[in-house]
Amino acid sequence: MVAEAKVVKRATIPVSLPISVVKKLEELRGRLGYRSRNDVIREAVRRFIEEMEEAKVLYVRDVTVEQAKREIVEYLKRHGSAYVSEMAESLGVNIELAFKAVEELEKEGIVGE
């Protein structure tokens, strides 16, 4: 008995991308051995969907930049080093606020890259 191939219905979605992105996409396509840009885009979308489906839901506290800076300094004293996203998640601080706080701490010379 011959197994039948599964037919997957498809939809075409026109997408406009900056030329610089298309060039990078083409470089990756060649380097990674994909047959076409469409294959790369399909794989990227599949991975994005998987990542979003597994995404954590975080409680984010309402804190000021100054409070975030103090908490980040304390976090770094305990852990030595960390990614900003890791600190934001652990401290329950909005990611954009955490980046702003770290940027200010760097300008003040309190933390370094």
N, C-alpha and C. Protein backbone atom coordinates (compact mmCIF):
# COMPACT_ATOMS: atom_id res chain seq x y z
N MET A 1 0.84 -1.17 0.00
CA MET A 1 0.00 0.00 0.00
C MET A 1 0.89 1.25 0.00
N VAL A 2 0.59 2.22 -0.83
CA VAL A 2 1.36 3.45 -0.96
C VAL A 2 0.77 4.51 -0.06
N ALA A 3 1.63 5.17 0.74
CA ALA A 3 1.17 6.23 1.63
C ALA A 3 0.88 7.48 0.81
N GLU A 4 -0.22 8.14 1.13
CA GLU A 4 -0.58 9.37 0.42
C GLU A 4 0.12 10.56 1.08
N ALA A 5 0.57 11.49 0.23
CA ALA A 5 1.22 12.70 0.73
C ALA A 5 0.15 13.62 1.31
N LYS A 6 0.46 14.22 2.44
CA LYS A 6 -0.47 15.15 3.08
C LYS A 6 -0.47 16.47 2.30
N VAL A 7 -1.65 16.93 1.92
CA VAL A 7 -1.78 18.18 1.19
C VAL A 7 -1.99 19.31 2.19
N VAL A 8 -1.12 20.30 2.13
CA VAL A 8 -1.21 21.45 3.03
C VAL A 8 -1.71 22.63 2.23
N LYS A 9 -2.83 23.19 2.64
CA LYS A 9 -3.35 24.37 1.97
C LYS A 9 -2.47 25.55 2.32
N ARG A 10 -2.24 26.41 1.36
CA ARG A 10 -1.37 27.57 1.56
C ARG A 10 -2.07 28.84 1.15
N ALA A 11 -1.65 29.94 1.74
CA ALA A 11 -2.11 31.27 1.37
C ALA A 11 -0.88 32.11 1.05
N THR A 12 -1.01 32.97 0.09
CA THR A 12 0.08 33.87 -0.27
C THR A 12 -0.15 35.19 0.43
N ILE A 13 0.90 35.66 1.11
CA ILE A 13 0.82 36.93 1.84
C ILE A 13 1.92 37.85 1.32
N PRO A 14 1.53 38.90 0.57
CA PRO A 14 2.55 39.82 0.07
C PRO A 14 3.20 40.58 1.23
N VAL A 15 4.51 40.64 1.22
CA VAL A 15 5.24 41.33 2.29
C VAL A 15 6.26 42.25 1.65
N SER A 16 6.34 43.46 2.17
CA SER A 16 7.32 44.43 1.71
C SER A 16 8.41 44.53 2.77
N LEU A 17 9.67 44.38 2.34
CA LEU A 17 10.80 44.44 3.26
C LEU A 17 11.84 45.43 2.74
N PRO A 18 12.58 46.07 3.64
CA PRO A 18 13.67 46.93 3.18
C PRO A 18 14.72 46.11 2.41
N ILE A 19 15.34 46.72 1.42
CA ILE A 19 16.35 46.05 0.60
C ILE A 19 17.45 45.46 1.47
N SER A 20 17.86 46.17 2.52
CA SER A 20 18.93 45.66 3.39
C SER A 20 18.52 44.34 4.05
N VAL A 21 17.25 44.20 4.41
CA VAL A 21 16.77 42.97 5.02
C VAL A 21 16.74 41.85 3.99
N VAL A 22 16.32 42.18 2.77
CA VAL A 22 16.28 41.17 1.70
C VAL A 22 17.70 40.67 1.40
N LYS A 23 18.68 41.57 1.40
CA LYS A 23 20.07 41.16 1.16
C LYS A 23 20.56 40.21 2.26
N LYS A 24 20.25 40.54 3.52
CA LYS A 24 20.65 39.65 4.63
C LYS A 24 19.93 38.32 4.54
N LEU A 25 18.66 38.37 4.16
CA LEU A 25 17.87 37.16 3.99
C LEU A 25 18.50 36.26 2.92
N GLU A 26 18.92 36.86 1.84
CA GLU A 26 19.53 36.10 0.74
C GLU A 26 20.88 35.52 1.17
N GLU A 27 21.66 36.28 1.94
CA GLU A 27 22.93 35.76 2.45
C GLU A 27 22.70 34.54 3.34
N LEU A 28 21.73 34.66 4.25
CA LEU A 28 21.41 33.54 5.13
C LEU A 28 20.90 32.33 4.35
N ARG A 29 20.07 32.60 3.35
CA ARG A 29 19.54 31.53 2.53
C ARG A 29 20.67 30.71 1.94
N GLY A 30 21.63 31.37 1.34
CA GLY A 30 22.75 30.68 0.73
C GLY A 30 23.63 29.97 1.75
N ARG A 31 23.93 30.66 2.83
CA ARG A 31 24.81 30.10 3.85
C ARG A 31 24.19 28.90 4.55
N LEU A 32 22.88 28.94 4.77
CA LEU A 32 22.21 27.87 5.50
C LEU A 32 21.64 26.77 4.59
N GLY A 33 21.73 26.99 3.28
CA GLY A 33 21.31 25.95 2.34
C GLY A 33 19.82 25.87 2.07
N TYR A 34 19.09 26.92 2.35
CA TYR A 34 17.67 26.92 2.01
C TYR A 34 17.52 27.08 0.50
N ARG A 35 16.45 26.49 -0.06
CA ARG A 35 16.23 26.56 -1.50
C ARG A 35 15.78 27.93 -1.96
N SER A 36 15.03 28.62 -1.11
CA SER A 36 14.49 29.92 -1.52
C SER A 36 14.32 30.84 -0.32
N ARG A 37 14.11 32.11 -0.61
CA ARG A 37 13.82 33.08 0.45
C ARG A 37 12.52 32.70 1.15
N ASN A 38 11.56 32.22 0.38
CA ASN A 38 10.29 31.80 0.98
C ASN A 38 10.50 30.74 2.04
N ASP A 39 11.41 29.79 1.79
CA ASP A 39 11.69 28.75 2.78
C ASP A 39 12.24 29.36 4.06
N VAL A 40 13.12 30.35 3.92
CA VAL A 40 13.70 31.02 5.10
C VAL A 40 12.61 31.75 5.86
N ILE A 41 11.76 32.47 5.15
CA ILE A 41 10.69 33.22 5.79
C ILE A 41 9.70 32.28 6.48
N ARG A 42 9.34 31.17 5.82
CA ARG A 42 8.43 30.20 6.45
C ARG A 42 9.03 29.65 7.74
N GLU A 43 10.33 29.33 7.71
CA GLU A 43 11.00 28.81 8.90
C GLU A 43 11.03 29.87 10.01
N ALA A 44 11.31 31.12 9.65
CA ALA A 44 11.35 32.20 10.64
C ALA A 44 9.97 32.40 11.28
N VAL A 45 8.92 32.36 10.48
CA VAL A 45 7.57 32.53 11.00
C VAL A 45 7.21 31.36 11.90
N ARG A 46 7.55 30.14 11.48
CA ARG A 46 7.27 28.95 12.30
C ARG A 46 7.95 29.08 13.66
N ARG A 47 9.23 29.48 13.66
CA ARG A 47 9.96 29.63 14.93
C ARG A 47 9.38 30.74 15.79
N PHE A 48 8.98 31.84 15.16
CA PHE A 48 8.38 32.95 15.89
C PHE A 48 7.10 32.49 16.57
N ILE A 49 6.25 31.77 15.84
CA ILE A 49 5.00 31.28 16.41
C ILE A 49 5.28 30.36 17.59
N GLU A 50 6.23 29.45 17.44
CA GLU A 50 6.59 28.55 18.55
C GLU A 50 7.05 29.34 19.77
N GLU A 51 7.90 30.34 19.53
CA GLU A 51 8.42 31.15 20.62
C GLU A 51 7.31 31.91 21.33
N MET A 52 6.38 32.48 20.56
CA MET A 52 5.29 33.24 21.15
C MET A 52 4.33 32.33 21.92
N GLU A 53 4.13 31.12 21.43
CA GLU A 53 3.26 30.18 22.13
C GLU A 53 3.87 29.73 23.46
N GLU A 54 5.20 29.76 23.54
CA GLU A 54 5.88 29.35 24.77
C GLU A 54 6.26 30.54 25.65
N ALA A 55 5.90 31.75 25.21
CA ALA A 55 6.30 32.95 25.93
C ALA A 55 5.70 32.97 27.33
N LYS A 56 6.50 33.48 28.24
CA LYS A 56 6.06 33.61 29.63
C LYS A 56 5.18 34.85 29.77
N VAL A 57 4.28 34.79 30.71
CA VAL A 57 3.51 35.96 31.09
C VAL A 57 4.10 36.44 32.40
N LEU A 58 4.52 37.68 32.42
CA LEU A 58 5.20 38.21 33.60
C LEU A 58 4.39 39.31 34.26
N TYR A 59 4.45 39.34 35.55
CA TYR A 59 3.90 40.46 36.30
C TYR A 59 4.96 41.55 36.33
N VAL A 60 4.60 42.75 35.92
CA VAL A 60 5.54 43.87 35.90
C VAL A 60 5.05 44.91 36.90
N ARG A 61 5.95 45.25 37.81
CA ARG A 61 5.63 46.26 38.83
C ARG A 61 5.80 47.66 38.27
N ASP A 62 5.08 48.59 38.82
CA ASP A 62 5.19 50.00 38.44
C ASP A 62 6.25 50.65 39.32
N VAL A 63 7.46 50.82 38.76
CA VAL A 63 8.55 51.45 39.52
C VAL A 63 9.14 52.60 38.72
N THR A 64 9.79 53.50 39.40
CA THR A 64 10.45 54.62 38.74
C THR A 64 11.81 54.16 38.20
N VAL A 65 12.40 54.98 37.37
CA VAL A 65 13.75 54.69 36.86
C VAL A 65 14.73 54.61 38.01
N GLU A 66 14.60 55.52 38.97
CA GLU A 66 15.51 55.53 40.12
C GLU A 66 15.39 54.25 40.93
N GLN A 67 14.16 53.78 41.14
CA GLN A 67 13.96 52.53 41.88
C GLN A 67 14.55 51.36 41.09
N ALA A 68 14.31 51.35 39.78
CA ALA A 68 14.86 50.28 38.94
C ALA A 68 16.38 50.29 39.00
N LYS A 69 16.99 51.46 38.98
CA LYS A 69 18.45 51.56 39.05
C LYS A 69 18.96 50.95 40.36
N ARG A 70 18.32 51.29 41.47
CA ARG A 70 18.74 50.76 42.78
C ARG A 70 18.62 49.23 42.80
N GLU A 71 17.51 48.72 42.28
CA GLU A 71 17.29 47.28 42.29
C GLU A 71 18.27 46.56 41.36
N ILE A 72 18.58 47.16 40.24
CA ILE A 72 19.53 46.56 39.30
C ILE A 72 20.92 46.50 39.91
N VAL A 73 21.33 47.57 40.59
CA VAL A 73 22.64 47.58 41.25
C VAL A 73 22.69 46.47 42.30
N GLU A 74 21.65 46.33 43.09
CA GLU A 74 21.60 45.26 44.10
C GLU A 74 21.63 43.88 43.45
N TYR A 75 20.89 43.74 42.36
CA TYR A 75 20.86 42.46 41.63
C TYR A 75 22.27 42.10 41.16
N LEU A 76 22.96 43.08 40.60
CA LEU A 76 24.32 42.83 40.09
C LEU A 76 25.30 42.54 41.21
N LYS A 77 25.10 43.13 42.38
CA LYS A 77 25.96 42.82 43.52
C LYS A 77 25.81 41.35 43.92
N ARG A 78 24.58 40.84 43.82
CA ARG A 78 24.32 39.44 44.19
C ARG A 78 24.74 38.45 43.10
N HIS A 79 24.57 38.84 41.83
CA HIS A 79 24.78 37.89 40.73
C HIS A 79 26.04 38.14 39.90
N GLY A 80 26.67 39.27 40.09
CA GLY A 80 27.90 39.56 39.33
C GLY A 80 27.64 40.16 37.96
N SER A 81 26.91 39.46 37.13
CA SER A 81 26.57 39.98 35.82
C SER A 81 25.27 39.32 35.36
N ALA A 82 24.60 39.97 34.42
CA ALA A 82 23.33 39.42 33.93
C ALA A 82 22.92 40.19 32.68
N TYR A 83 22.11 39.55 31.86
CA TYR A 83 21.50 40.24 30.74
C TYR A 83 20.41 41.16 31.28
N VAL A 84 20.17 42.27 30.60
CA VAL A 84 19.14 43.21 31.04
C VAL A 84 17.78 42.51 31.07
N SER A 85 17.50 41.69 30.07
CA SER A 85 16.22 40.98 30.03
C SER A 85 16.06 40.05 31.23
N GLU A 86 17.15 39.42 31.63
CA GLU A 86 17.14 38.52 32.80
C GLU A 86 16.83 39.31 34.08
N MET A 87 17.47 40.47 34.22
CA MET A 87 17.22 41.29 35.41
C MET A 87 15.78 41.81 35.41
N ALA A 88 15.31 42.27 34.26
CA ALA A 88 13.95 42.80 34.18
C ALA A 88 12.94 41.73 34.58
N GLU A 89 13.13 40.52 34.07
CA GLU A 89 12.22 39.43 34.41
C GLU A 89 12.27 39.10 35.89
N SER A 90 13.47 38.96 36.41
CA SER A 90 13.65 38.59 37.81
C SER A 90 13.11 39.65 38.76
N LEU A 91 13.31 40.92 38.40
CA LEU A 91 12.88 42.02 39.27
C LEU A 91 11.44 42.45 39.03
N GLY A 92 10.82 41.95 37.96
CA GLY A 92 9.46 42.37 37.64
C GLY A 92 9.39 43.81 37.17
N VAL A 93 10.41 44.19 36.37
CA VAL A 93 10.52 45.55 35.86
C VAL A 93 10.29 45.53 34.35
N ASN A 94 9.57 46.51 33.85
CA ASN A 94 9.35 46.65 32.42
C ASN A 94 10.69 46.64 31.69
N ILE A 95 10.79 45.88 30.60
CA ILE A 95 12.07 45.71 29.89
C ILE A 95 12.63 47.03 29.38
N GLU A 96 11.77 47.90 28.84
CA GLU A 96 12.26 49.19 28.34
C GLU A 96 12.79 50.05 29.47
N LEU A 97 12.11 50.02 30.60
CA LEU A 97 12.56 50.76 31.78
C LEU A 97 13.89 50.21 32.27
N ALA A 98 14.04 48.88 32.24
CA ALA A 98 15.31 48.26 32.67
C ALA A 98 16.45 48.71 31.77
N PHE A 99 16.23 48.74 30.45
CA PHE A 99 17.28 49.20 29.54
C PHE A 99 17.63 50.66 29.80
N LYS A 100 16.61 51.48 30.04
CA LYS A 100 16.86 52.89 30.33
C LYS A 100 17.67 53.03 31.62
N ALA A 101 17.29 52.27 32.64
CA ALA A 101 18.01 52.32 33.92
C ALA A 101 19.46 51.90 33.75
N VAL A 102 19.70 50.82 33.01
CA VAL A 102 21.07 50.34 32.79
C VAL A 102 21.86 51.37 31.98
N GLU A 103 21.23 51.97 30.99
CA GLU A 103 21.91 53.01 30.21
C GLU A 103 22.35 54.16 31.10
N GLU A 104 21.47 54.59 32.00
CA GLU A 104 21.83 55.67 32.94
C GLU A 104 22.95 55.23 33.88
N LEU A 105 22.87 54.01 34.36
CA LEU A 105 23.92 53.49 35.25
C LEU A 105 25.27 53.43 34.54
N GLU A 106 25.26 53.09 33.24
CA GLU A 106 26.50 53.08 32.46
C GLU A 106 27.06 54.49 32.31
N LYS A 107 26.19 55.46 32.00
CA LYS A 107 26.63 56.86 31.85
C LYS A 107 27.22 57.39 33.16
N GLU A 108 26.64 56.92 34.29
CA GLU A 108 27.11 57.36 35.60
C GLU A 108 28.37 56.59 36.03
N GLY A 109 28.76 55.60 35.26
CA GLY A 109 29.95 54.81 35.57
C GLY A 109 29.74 53.80 36.68
N ILE A 110 28.50 53.49 36.99
CA ILE A 110 28.21 52.55 38.07
C ILE A 110 28.29 51.11 37.58
N VAL A 111 27.88 50.88 36.35
CA VAL A 111 27.99 49.55 35.72
C VAL A 111 28.68 49.73 34.38
N GLY A 112 29.21 48.64 33.86
CA GLY A 112 29.87 48.67 32.57
C GLY A 112 29.43 47.49 31.73
N GLU A 113 29.68 47.60 30.43
CA GLU A 113 29.31 46.53 29.50
C GLU A 113 30.19 45.33 29.68
